[in-house]
Amino acid sequence: MIGVMIYGGAVLVLSFFGMIMIVYDKRQARLDRWRTPEATLHMIELLGGFPGVMLARRLFKHKTRKLSYRIIAALMAIVHVAVAGAVFYFIDAG
């Protein structure tokens, strides 16, 4: 049970951080300044921040047209959920 709480807290923190990164990147894009690399955003998604990144992308209409980004972001979310599910399954089974 404590593992689930720690996991949930990590997802919340990373989601919040991911939202901040999307807002920052959107601002930088509007000002034509240095942007956050997509690989950084994808790493945040993979580590568990995908809910916040997905929400921020919709709310702030950022990176919604770029198909390659959307596909990789979806894959990062799927991989994260699969790995987290497998970890919790094997912890519970063991």
PDB file of N, CA and C in Angstrom:
ATOM      1  N   MET A   1       0.818  -1.204   0.000  1.00  0.00           N
ATOM      2  CA  MET A   1       0.000   0.000   0.000  1.00  0.00           C
ATOM      3  C   MET A   1       0.857   1.260   0.000  1.00  0.00           C
ATOM      4  N   ILE A   2       1.941   1.240   0.776  1.00  0.00           N
ATOM      5  CA  ILE A   2       2.809   2.417   0.829  1.00  0.00           C
ATOM      6  C   ILE A   2       3.452   2.673  -0.529  1.00  0.00           C
ATOM      7  N   GLY A   3       3.740   1.592  -1.271  1.00  0.00           N
ATOM      8  CA  GLY A   3       4.316   1.734  -2.607  1.00  0.00           C
ATOM      9  C   GLY A   3       3.381   2.454  -3.562  1.00  0.00           C
ATOM     10  N   VAL A   4       2.098   2.165  -3.457  1.00  0.00           N
ATOM     11  CA  VAL A   4       1.103   2.818  -4.301  1.00  0.00           C
ATOM     12  C   VAL A   4       1.034   4.306  -3.967  1.00  0.00           C
ATOM     13  N   MET A   5       1.116   4.633  -2.685  1.00  0.00           N
ATOM     14  CA  MET A   5       1.073   6.040  -2.273  1.00  0.00           C
ATOM     15  C   MET A   5       2.304   6.786  -2.774  1.00  0.00           C
ATOM     16  N   ILE A   6       3.472   6.157  -2.675  1.00  0.00           N
ATOM     17  CA  ILE A   6       4.701   6.789  -3.171  1.00  0.00           C
ATOM     18  C   ILE A   6       4.620   6.969  -4.686  1.00  0.00           C
ATOM     19  N   TYR A   7       4.147   5.936  -5.365  1.00  0.00           N
ATOM     20  CA  TYR A   7       3.989   6.015  -6.814  1.00  0.00           C
ATOM     21  C   TYR A   7       3.025   7.145  -7.194  1.00  0.00           C
ATOM     22  N   GLY A   8       1.892   7.200  -6.519  1.00  0.00           N
ATOM     23  CA  GLY A   8       0.912   8.254  -6.804  1.00  0.00           C
ATOM     24  C   GLY A   8       1.475   9.638  -6.561  1.00  0.00           C
ATOM     25  N   GLY A   9       2.243   9.794  -5.487  1.00  0.00           N
ATOM     26  CA  GLY A   9       2.871  11.081  -5.202  1.00  0.00           C
ATOM     27  C   GLY A   9       3.879  11.463  -6.271  1.00  0.00           C
ATOM     28  N   ALA A  10       4.648  10.473  -6.727  1.00  0.00           N
ATOM     29  CA  ALA A  10       5.632  10.738  -7.783  1.00  0.00           C
ATOM     30  C   ALA A  10       4.943  11.154  -9.075  1.00  0.00           C
ATOM     31  N   VAL A  11       3.842  10.486  -9.408  1.00  0.00           N
ATOM     32  CA  VAL A  11       3.102  10.846 -10.624  1.00  0.00           C
ATOM     33  C   VAL A  11       2.545  12.264 -10.504  1.00  0.00           C
ATOM     34  N   LEU A  12       2.033  12.619  -9.328  1.00  0.00           N
ATOM     35  CA  LEU A  12       1.519  13.985  -9.136  1.00  0.00           C
ATOM     36  C   LEU A  12       2.613  15.027  -9.292  1.00  0.00           C
ATOM     37  N   VAL A  13       3.754  14.787  -8.659  1.00  0.00           N
ATOM     38  CA  VAL A  13       4.862  15.749  -8.735  1.00  0.00           C
ATOM     39  C   VAL A  13       5.363  15.873 -10.170  1.00  0.00           C
ATOM     40  N   LEU A  14       5.570  14.739 -10.836  1.00  0.00           N
ATOM     41  CA  LEU A  14       6.056  14.774 -12.217  1.00  0.00           C
ATOM     42  C   LEU A  14       5.021  15.376 -13.162  1.00  0.00           C
ATOM     43  N   SER A  15       3.750  15.141 -12.897  1.00  0.00           N
ATOM     44  CA  SER A  15       2.701  15.748 -13.725  1.00  0.00           C
ATOM     45  C   SER A  15       2.706  17.263 -13.578  1.00  0.00           C
ATOM     46  N   PHE A  16       2.859  17.733 -12.358  1.00  0.00           N
ATOM     47  CA  PHE A  16       2.923  19.175 -12.126  1.00  0.00           C
ATOM     48  C   PHE A  16       4.146  19.764 -12.823  1.00  0.00           C
ATOM     49  N   PHE A  17       5.290  19.106 -12.680  1.00  0.00           N
ATOM     50  CA  PHE A  17       6.514  19.559 -13.331  1.00  0.00           C
ATOM     51  C   PHE A  17       6.349  19.544 -14.848  1.00  0.00           C
ATOM     52  N   GLY A  18       5.712  18.508 -15.380  1.00  0.00           N
ATOM     53  CA  GLY A  18       5.460  18.431 -16.815  1.00  0.00           C
ATOM     54  C   GLY A  18       4.574  19.558 -17.306  1.00  0.00           C
ATOM     55  N   MET A  19       3.566  19.901 -16.510  1.00  0.00           N
ATOM     56  CA  MET A  19       2.694  21.023 -16.875  1.00  0.00           C
ATOM     57  C   MET A  19       3.491  22.325 -16.935  1.00  0.00           C
ATOM     58  N   ILE A  20       4.347  22.527 -15.955  1.00  0.00           N
ATOM     59  CA  ILE A  20       5.174  23.729 -15.939  1.00  0.00           C
ATOM     60  C   ILE A  20       6.075  23.767 -17.177  1.00  0.00           C
ATOM     61  N   MET A  21       6.636  22.618 -17.538  1.00  0.00           N
ATOM     62  CA  MET A  21       7.516  22.569 -18.705  1.00  0.00           C
ATOM     63  C   MET A  21       6.764  22.879 -19.998  1.00  0.00           C
ATOM     64  N   ILE A  22       5.525  22.417 -20.114  1.00  0.00           N
ATOM     65  CA  ILE A  22       4.726  22.715 -21.313  1.00  0.00           C
ATOM     66  C   ILE A  22       4.403  24.210 -21.373  1.00  0.00           C
ATOM     67  N   VAL A  23       4.012  24.787 -20.253  1.00  0.00           N
ATOM     68  CA  VAL A  23       3.716  26.226 -20.216  1.00  0.00           C
ATOM     69  C   VAL A  23       4.965  27.022 -20.576  1.00  0.00           C
ATOM     70  N   TYR A  24       6.101  26.628 -20.008  1.00  0.00           N
ATOM     71  CA  TYR A  24       7.363  27.311 -20.293  1.00  0.00           C
ATOM     72  C   TYR A  24       7.705  27.190 -21.778  1.00  0.00           C
ATOM     73  N   ASP A  25       7.577  25.992 -22.338  1.00  0.00           N
ATOM     74  CA  ASP A  25       7.916  25.788 -23.743  1.00  0.00           C
ATOM     75  C   ASP A  25       6.985  26.590 -24.647  1.00  0.00           C
ATOM     76  N   LYS A  26       5.726  26.660 -24.303  1.00  0.00           N
ATOM     77  CA  LYS A  26       4.770  27.447 -25.086  1.00  0.00           C
ATOM     78  C   LYS A  26       5.157  28.930 -25.066  1.00  0.00           C
ATOM     79  N   ARG A  27       5.540  29.403 -23.894  1.00  0.00           N
ATOM     80  CA  ARG A  27       5.964  30.809 -23.766  1.00  0.00           C
ATOM     81  C   ARG A  27       7.214  31.073 -24.599  1.00  0.00           C
ATOM     82  N   GLN A  28       8.165  30.170 -24.515  1.00  0.00           N
ATOM     83  CA  GLN A  28       9.399  30.325 -25.278  1.00  0.00           C
ATOM     84  C   GLN A  28       9.115  30.307 -26.786  1.00  0.00           C
ATOM     85  N   ALA A  29       8.185  29.473 -27.203  1.00  0.00           N
ATOM     86  CA  ALA A  29       7.824  29.403 -28.624  1.00  0.00           C
ATOM     87  C   ALA A  29       7.223  30.726 -29.088  1.00  0.00           C
ATOM     88  N   ARG A  30       6.356  31.283 -28.280  1.00  0.00           N
ATOM     89  CA  ARG A  30       5.735  32.561 -28.643  1.00  0.00           C
ATOM     90  C   ARG A  30       6.747  33.695 -28.722  1.00  0.00           C
ATOM     91  N   LEU A  31       7.756  33.643 -27.862  1.00  0.00           N
ATOM     92  CA  LEU A  31       8.787  34.684 -27.837  1.00  0.00           C
ATOM     93  C   LEU A  31       9.944  34.386 -28.789  1.00  0.00           C
ATOM     94  N   ASP A  32       9.847  33.279 -29.516  1.00  0.00           N
ATOM     95  CA  ASP A  32      10.881  32.850 -30.456  1.00  0.00           C
ATOM     96  C   ASP A  32      12.242  32.722 -29.768  1.00  0.00           C
ATOM     97  N   ARG A  33      12.230  32.066 -28.623  1.00  0.00           N
ATOM     98  CA  ARG A  33      13.443  31.836 -27.842  1.00  0.00           C
ATOM     99  C   ARG A  33      13.760  30.349 -27.805  1.00  0.00           C
ATOM    100  N   TRP A  34      14.868  30.024 -27.084  1.00  0.00           N
ATOM    101  CA  TRP A  34      15.300  28.640 -26.940  1.00  0.00           C
ATOM    102  C   TRP A  34      14.190  27.807 -26.318  1.00  0.00           C
ATOM    103  N   ARG A  35      13.943  26.633 -26.906  1.00  0.00           N
ATOM    104  CA  ARG A  35      12.847  25.779 -26.480  1.00  0.00           C
ATOM    105  C   ARG A  35      13.336  24.578 -25.696  1.00  0.00           C
ATOM    106  N   THR A  36      12.433  23.962 -24.978  1.00  0.00           N
ATOM    107  CA  THR A  36      12.723  22.723 -24.262  1.00  0.00           C
ATOM    108  C   THR A  36      12.802  21.594 -25.295  1.00  0.00           C
ATOM    109  N   PRO A  37      13.868  20.811 -25.280  1.00  0.00           N
ATOM    110  CA  PRO A  37      13.950  19.701 -26.243  1.00  0.00           C
ATOM    111  C   PRO A  37      12.804  18.706 -26.046  1.00  0.00           C
ATOM    112  N   GLU A  38      12.297  18.184 -27.155  1.00  0.00           N
ATOM    113  CA  GLU A  38      11.208  17.211 -27.076  1.00  0.00           C
ATOM    114  C   GLU A  38      11.626  15.984 -26.280  1.00  0.00           C
ATOM    115  N   ALA A  39      12.884  15.601 -26.375  1.00  0.00           N
ATOM    116  CA  ALA A  39      13.362  14.435 -25.630  1.00  0.00           C
ATOM    117  C   ALA A  39      13.184  14.642 -24.129  1.00  0.00           C
ATOM    118  N   THR A  40      13.353  15.870 -23.662  1.00  0.00           N
ATOM    119  CA  THR A  40      13.162  16.178 -22.239  1.00  0.00           C
ATOM    120  C   THR A  40      11.704  16.010 -21.852  1.00  0.00           C
ATOM    121  N   LEU A  41      10.818  16.519 -22.681  1.00  0.00           N
ATOM    122  CA  LEU A  41       9.385  16.374 -22.407  1.00  0.00           C
ATOM    123  C   LEU A  41       8.977  14.900 -22.430  1.00  0.00           C
ATOM    124  N   HIS A  42       9.529  14.144 -23.372  1.00  0.00           N
ATOM    125  CA  HIS A  42       9.198  12.719 -23.444  1.00  0.00           C
ATOM    126  C   HIS A  42       9.737  11.967 -22.231  1.00  0.00           C
ATOM    127  N   MET A  43      10.888  12.367 -21.726  1.00  0.00           N
ATOM    128  CA  MET A  43      11.436  11.701 -20.541  1.00  0.00           C
ATOM    129  C   MET A  43      10.529  11.944 -19.333  1.00  0.00           C
ATOM    130  N   ILE A  44      10.025  13.163 -19.196  1.00  0.00           N
ATOM    131  CA  ILE A  44       9.098  13.473 -18.107  1.00  0.00           C
ATOM    132  C   ILE A  44       7.843  12.604 -18.237  1.00  0.00           C
ATOM    133  N   GLU A  45       7.345  12.453 -19.466  1.00  0.00           N
ATOM    134  CA  GLU A  45       6.173  11.603 -19.699  1.00  0.00           C
ATOM    135  C   GLU A  45       6.466  10.157 -19.314  1.00  0.00           C
ATOM    136  N   LEU A  46       7.601   9.662 -19.744  1.00  0.00           N
ATOM    137  CA  LEU A  46       7.962   8.272 -19.476  1.00  0.00           C
ATOM    138  C   LEU A  46       8.115   7.997 -17.982  1.00  0.00           C
ATOM    139  N   LEU A  47       8.656   8.960 -17.252  1.00  0.00           N
ATOM    140  CA  LEU A  47       8.879   8.782 -15.818  1.00  0.00           C
ATOM    141  C   LEU A  47       7.591   8.860 -14.997  1.00  0.00           C
ATOM    142  N   GLY A  48       6.493   9.301 -15.613  1.00  0.00           N
ATOM    143  CA  GLY A  48       5.221   9.326 -14.903  1.00  0.00           C
ATOM    144  C   GLY A  48       4.470  10.635 -14.988  1.00  0.00           C
ATOM    145  N   GLY A  49       5.039  11.617 -15.662  1.00  0.00           N
ATOM    146  CA  GLY A  49       4.382  12.922 -15.757  1.00  0.00           C
ATOM    147  C   GLY A  49       3.435  13.057 -16.927  1.00  0.00           C
ATOM    148  N   PHE A  50       3.138  11.946 -17.593  1.00  0.00           N
ATOM    149  CA  PHE A  50       2.293  12.023 -18.789  1.00  0.00           C
ATOM    150  C   PHE A  50       0.896  12.592 -18.535  1.00  0.00           C
ATOM    151  N   PRO A  51       0.250  12.349 -17.377  1.00  0.00           N
ATOM    152  CA  PRO A  51      -1.083  12.946 -17.206  1.00  0.00           C
ATOM    153  C   PRO A  51      -1.034  14.483 -17.232  1.00  0.00           C
ATOM    154  N   GLY A  52      -0.062  15.052 -16.532  1.00  0.00           N
ATOM    155  CA  GLY A  52       0.054  16.509 -16.496  1.00  0.00           C
ATOM    156  C   GLY A  52       0.453  17.100 -17.829  1.00  0.00           C
ATOM    157  N   VAL A  53       1.361  16.422 -18.531  1.00  0.00           N
ATOM    158  CA  VAL A  53       1.793  16.909 -19.839  1.00  0.00           C
ATOM    159  C   VAL A  53       0.627  16.863 -20.822  1.00  0.00           C
ATOM    160  N   MET A  54      -0.121  15.767 -20.811  1.00  0.00           N
ATOM    161  CA  MET A  54      -1.260  15.651 -21.726  1.00  0.00           C
ATOM    162  C   MET A  54      -2.322  16.706 -21.431  1.00  0.00           C
ATOM    163  N   LEU A  55      -2.584  16.922 -20.145  1.00  0.00           N
ATOM    164  CA  LEU A  55      -3.563  17.933 -19.762  1.00  0.00           C
ATOM    165  C   LEU A  55      -3.102  19.329 -20.176  1.00  0.00           C
ATOM    166  N   ALA A  56      -1.854  19.648 -19.910  1.00  0.00           N
ATOM    167  CA  ALA A  56      -1.323  20.974 -20.255  1.00  0.00           C
ATOM    168  C   ALA A  56      -1.302  21.185 -21.766  1.00  0.00           C
ATOM    169  N   ARG A  57      -0.983  20.136 -22.509  1.00  0.00           N
ATOM    170  CA  ARG A  57      -0.975  20.270 -23.973  1.00  0.00           C
ATOM    171  C   ARG A  57      -2.362  20.646 -24.482  1.00  0.00           C
ATOM    172  N   ARG A  58      -3.380  20.051 -23.897  1.00  0.00           N
ATOM    173  CA  ARG A  58      -4.750  20.375 -24.325  1.00  0.00           C
ATOM    174  C   ARG A  58      -5.171  21.766 -23.849  1.00  0.00           C
ATOM    175  N   LEU A  59      -4.897  22.063 -22.584  1.00  0.00           N
ATOM    176  CA  LEU A  59      -5.317  23.353 -22.031  1.00  0.00           C
ATOM    177  C   LEU A  59      -4.656  24.532 -22.732  1.00  0.00           C
ATOM    178  N   PHE A  60      -3.378  24.391 -23.047  1.00  0.00           N
ATOM    179  CA  PHE A  60      -2.615  25.498 -23.621  1.00  0.00           C
ATOM    180  C   PHE A  60      -2.405  25.352 -25.122  1.00  0.00           C
ATOM    181  N   LYS A  61      -3.039  24.342 -25.713  1.00  0.00           N
ATOM    182  CA  LYS A  61      -2.971  24.102 -27.159  1.00  0.00           C
ATOM    183  C   LYS A  61      -1.529  24.153 -27.656  1.00  0.00           C
ATOM    184  N   HIS A  62      -0.705  23.334 -27.024  1.00  0.00           N
ATOM    185  CA  HIS A  62       0.717  23.291 -27.367  1.00  0.00           C
ATOM    186  C   HIS A  62       1.097  21.892 -27.823  1.00  0.00           C
ATOM    187  N   LYS A  63       1.786  21.821 -28.934  1.00  0.00           N
ATOM    188  CA  LYS A  63       2.235  20.559 -29.531  1.00  0.00           C
ATOM    189  C   LYS A  63       1.041  19.662 -29.858  1.00  0.00           C
ATOM    190  N   THR A  64      -0.038  20.270 -30.300  1.00  0.00           N
ATOM    191  CA  THR A  64      -1.231  19.494 -30.635  1.00  0.00           C
ATOM    192  C   THR A  64      -1.271  19.122 -32.115  1.00  0.00           C
ATOM    193  N   ARG A  65      -0.523  19.800 -32.948  1.00  0.00           N
ATOM    194  CA  ARG A  65      -0.543  19.523 -34.385  1.00  0.00           C
ATOM    195  C   ARG A  65       0.571  18.579 -34.822  1.00  0.00           C
ATOM    196  N   LYS A  66       1.640  18.538 -34.076  1.00  0.00           N
ATOM    197  CA  LYS A  66       2.807  17.752 -34.491  1.00  0.00           C
ATOM    198  C   LYS A  66       2.552  16.271 -34.233  1.00  0.00           C
ATOM    199  N   LEU A  67       2.246  15.542 -35.294  1.00  0.00           N
ATOM    200  CA  LEU A  67       1.874  14.132 -35.187  1.00  0.00           C
ATOM    201  C   LEU A  67       2.986  13.285 -34.572  1.00  0.00           C
ATOM    202  N   SER A  68       4.227  13.526 -34.973  1.00  0.00           N
ATOM    203  CA  SER A  68       5.321  12.708 -34.439  1.00  0.00           C
ATOM    204  C   SER A  68       5.435  12.881 -32.927  1.00  0.00           C
ATOM    205  N   TYR A  69       5.230  14.087 -32.424  1.00  0.00           N
ATOM    206  CA  TYR A  69       5.285  14.305 -30.977  1.00  0.00           C
ATOM    207  C   TYR A  69       4.136  13.565 -30.289  1.00  0.00           C
ATOM    208  N   ARG A  70       2.941  13.672 -30.852  1.00  0.00           N
ATOM    209  CA  ARG A  70       1.779  13.023 -30.245  1.00  0.00           C
ATOM    210  C   ARG A  70       1.927  11.512 -30.190  1.00  0.00           C
ATOM    211  N   ILE A  71       2.484  10.931 -31.244  1.00  0.00           N
ATOM    212  CA  ILE A  71       2.666   9.477 -31.277  1.00  0.00           C
ATOM    213  C   ILE A  71       3.667   9.046 -30.215  1.00  0.00           C
ATOM    214  N   ILE A  72       4.798   9.733 -30.143  1.00  0.00           N
ATOM    215  CA  ILE A  72       5.817   9.367 -29.152  1.00  0.00           C
ATOM    216  C   ILE A  72       5.296   9.605 -27.739  1.00  0.00           C
ATOM    217  N   ALA A  73       4.560  10.678 -27.522  1.00  0.00           N
ATOM    218  CA  ALA A  73       3.990  10.949 -26.198  1.00  0.00           C
ATOM    219  C   ALA A  73       3.030   9.828 -25.788  1.00  0.00           C
ATOM    220  N   ALA A  74       2.212   9.377 -26.716  1.00  0.00           N
ATOM    221  CA  ALA A  74       1.293   8.267 -26.420  1.00  0.00           C
ATOM    222  C   ALA A  74       2.076   6.999 -26.097  1.00  0.00           C
ATOM    223  N   LEU A  75       3.134   6.741 -26.843  1.00  0.00           N
ATOM    224  CA  LEU A  75       3.962   5.567 -26.567  1.00  0.00           C
ATOM    225  C   LEU A  75       4.627   5.654 -25.202  1.00  0.00           C
ATOM    226  N   MET A  76       5.074   6.848 -24.819  1.00  0.00           N
ATOM    227  CA  MET A  76       5.688   7.022 -23.499  1.00  0.00           C
ATOM    228  C   MET A  76       4.681   6.705 -22.396  1.00  0.00           C
ATOM    229  N   ALA A  77       3.452   7.143 -22.570  1.00  0.00           N
ATOM    230  CA  ALA A  77       2.408   6.863 -21.582  1.00  0.00           C
ATOM    231  C   ALA A  77       2.108   5.367 -21.513  1.00  0.00           C
ATOM    232  N   ILE A  78       2.015   4.721 -22.664  1.00  0.00           N
ATOM    233  CA  ILE A  78       1.730   3.286 -22.705  1.00  0.00           C
ATOM    234  C   ILE A  78       2.851   2.492 -22.050  1.00  0.00           C
ATOM    235  N   VAL A  79       4.098   2.851 -22.378  1.00  0.00           N
ATOM    236  CA  VAL A  79       5.241   2.145 -21.788  1.00  0.00           C
ATOM    237  C   VAL A  79       5.267   2.346 -20.277  1.00  0.00           C
ATOM    238  N   HIS A  80       5.011   3.568 -19.833  1.00  0.00           N
ATOM    239  CA  HIS A  80       5.014   3.827 -18.391  1.00  0.00           C
ATOM    240  C   HIS A  80       3.958   2.984 -17.678  1.00  0.00           C
ATOM    241  N   VAL A  81       2.748   3.001 -18.193  1.00  0.00           N
ATOM    242  CA  VAL A  81       1.660   2.246 -17.565  1.00  0.00           C
ATOM    243  C   VAL A  81       1.960   0.745 -17.580  1.00  0.00           C
ATOM    244  N   ALA A  82       2.518   0.251 -18.680  1.00  0.00           N
ATOM    245  CA  ALA A  82       2.842  -1.181 -18.770  1.00  0.00           C
ATOM    246  C   ALA A  82       3.913  -1.571 -17.757  1.00  0.00           C
ATOM    247  N   VAL A  83       4.965  -0.767 -17.659  1.00  0.00           N
ATOM    248  CA  VAL A  83       6.047  -1.077 -16.717  1.00  0.00           C
ATOM    249  C   VAL A  83       5.550  -0.963 -15.277  1.00  0.00           C
ATOM    250  N   ALA A  84       4.824   0.114 -14.971  1.00  0.00           N
ATOM    251  CA  ALA A  84       4.303   0.282 -13.610  1.00  0.00           C
ATOM    252  C   ALA A  84       3.345  -0.854 -13.259  1.00  0.00           C
ATOM    253  N   GLY A  85       2.494  -1.236 -14.195  1.00  0.00           N
ATOM    254  CA  GLY A  85       1.568  -2.346 -13.954  1.00  0.00           C
ATOM    255  C   GLY A  85       2.308  -3.650 -13.704  1.00  0.00           C
ATOM    256  N   ALA A  86       3.341  -3.905 -14.506  1.00  0.00           N
ATOM    257  CA  ALA A  86       4.122  -5.124 -14.324  1.00  0.00           C
ATOM    258  C   ALA A  86       4.833  -5.125 -12.977  1.00  0.00           C
ATOM    259  N   VAL A  87       5.404  -3.996 -12.599  1.00  0.00           N
ATOM    260  CA  VAL A  87       6.102  -3.904 -11.307  1.00  0.00           C
ATOM    261  C   VAL A  87       5.130  -4.180 -10.170  1.00  0.00           C
ATOM    262  N   PHE A  88       3.983  -3.529 -10.179  1.00  0.00           N
ATOM    263  CA  PHE A  88       3.012  -3.745  -9.101  1.00  0.00           C
ATOM    264  C   PHE A  88       2.456  -5.165  -9.131  1.00  0.00           C
ATOM    265  N   TYR A  89       2.283  -5.729 -10.303  1.00  0.00           N
ATOM    266  CA  TYR A  89       1.808  -7.107 -10.403  1.00  0.00           C
ATOM    267  C   TYR A  89       2.803  -8.070  -9.760  1.00  0.00           C
ATOM    268  N   PHE A  90       4.077  -7.939 -10.125  1.00  0.00           N
ATOM    269  CA  PHE A  90       5.077  -8.860  -9.603  1.00  0.00           C
ATOM    270  C   PHE A  90       5.381  -8.635  -8.123  1.00  0.00           C
ATOM    271  N   ILE A  91       5.250  -7.398  -7.665  1.00  0.00           N
ATOM    272  CA  ILE A  91       5.415  -7.143  -6.229  1.00  0.00           C
ATOM    273  C   ILE A  91       4.285  -7.814  -5.455  1.00  0.00           C
ATOM    274  N   ASP A  92       3.084  -7.682  -5.981  1.00  0.00           N
ATOM    275  CA  ASP A  92       1.916  -8.267  -5.323  1.00  0.00           C
ATOM    276  C   ASP A  92       1.954  -9.794  -5.399  1.00  0.00           C
ATOM    277  N   ALA A  93       2.414 -10.339  -6.532  1.00  0.00           N
ATOM    278  CA  ALA A  93       2.465 -11.788  -6.718  1.00  0.00           C
ATOM    279  C   ALA A  93       3.600 -12.431  -5.900  1.00  0.00           C
ATOM    280  N   GLY A  94       4.647 -11.648  -5.646  1.00  0.00           N
ATOM    281  CA  GLY A  94       5.830 -12.200  -4.958  1.00  0.00           C
ATOM    282  C   GLY A  94       5.685 -12.085  -3.507  1.00  0.00           C
TER     283      GLY A  94
END
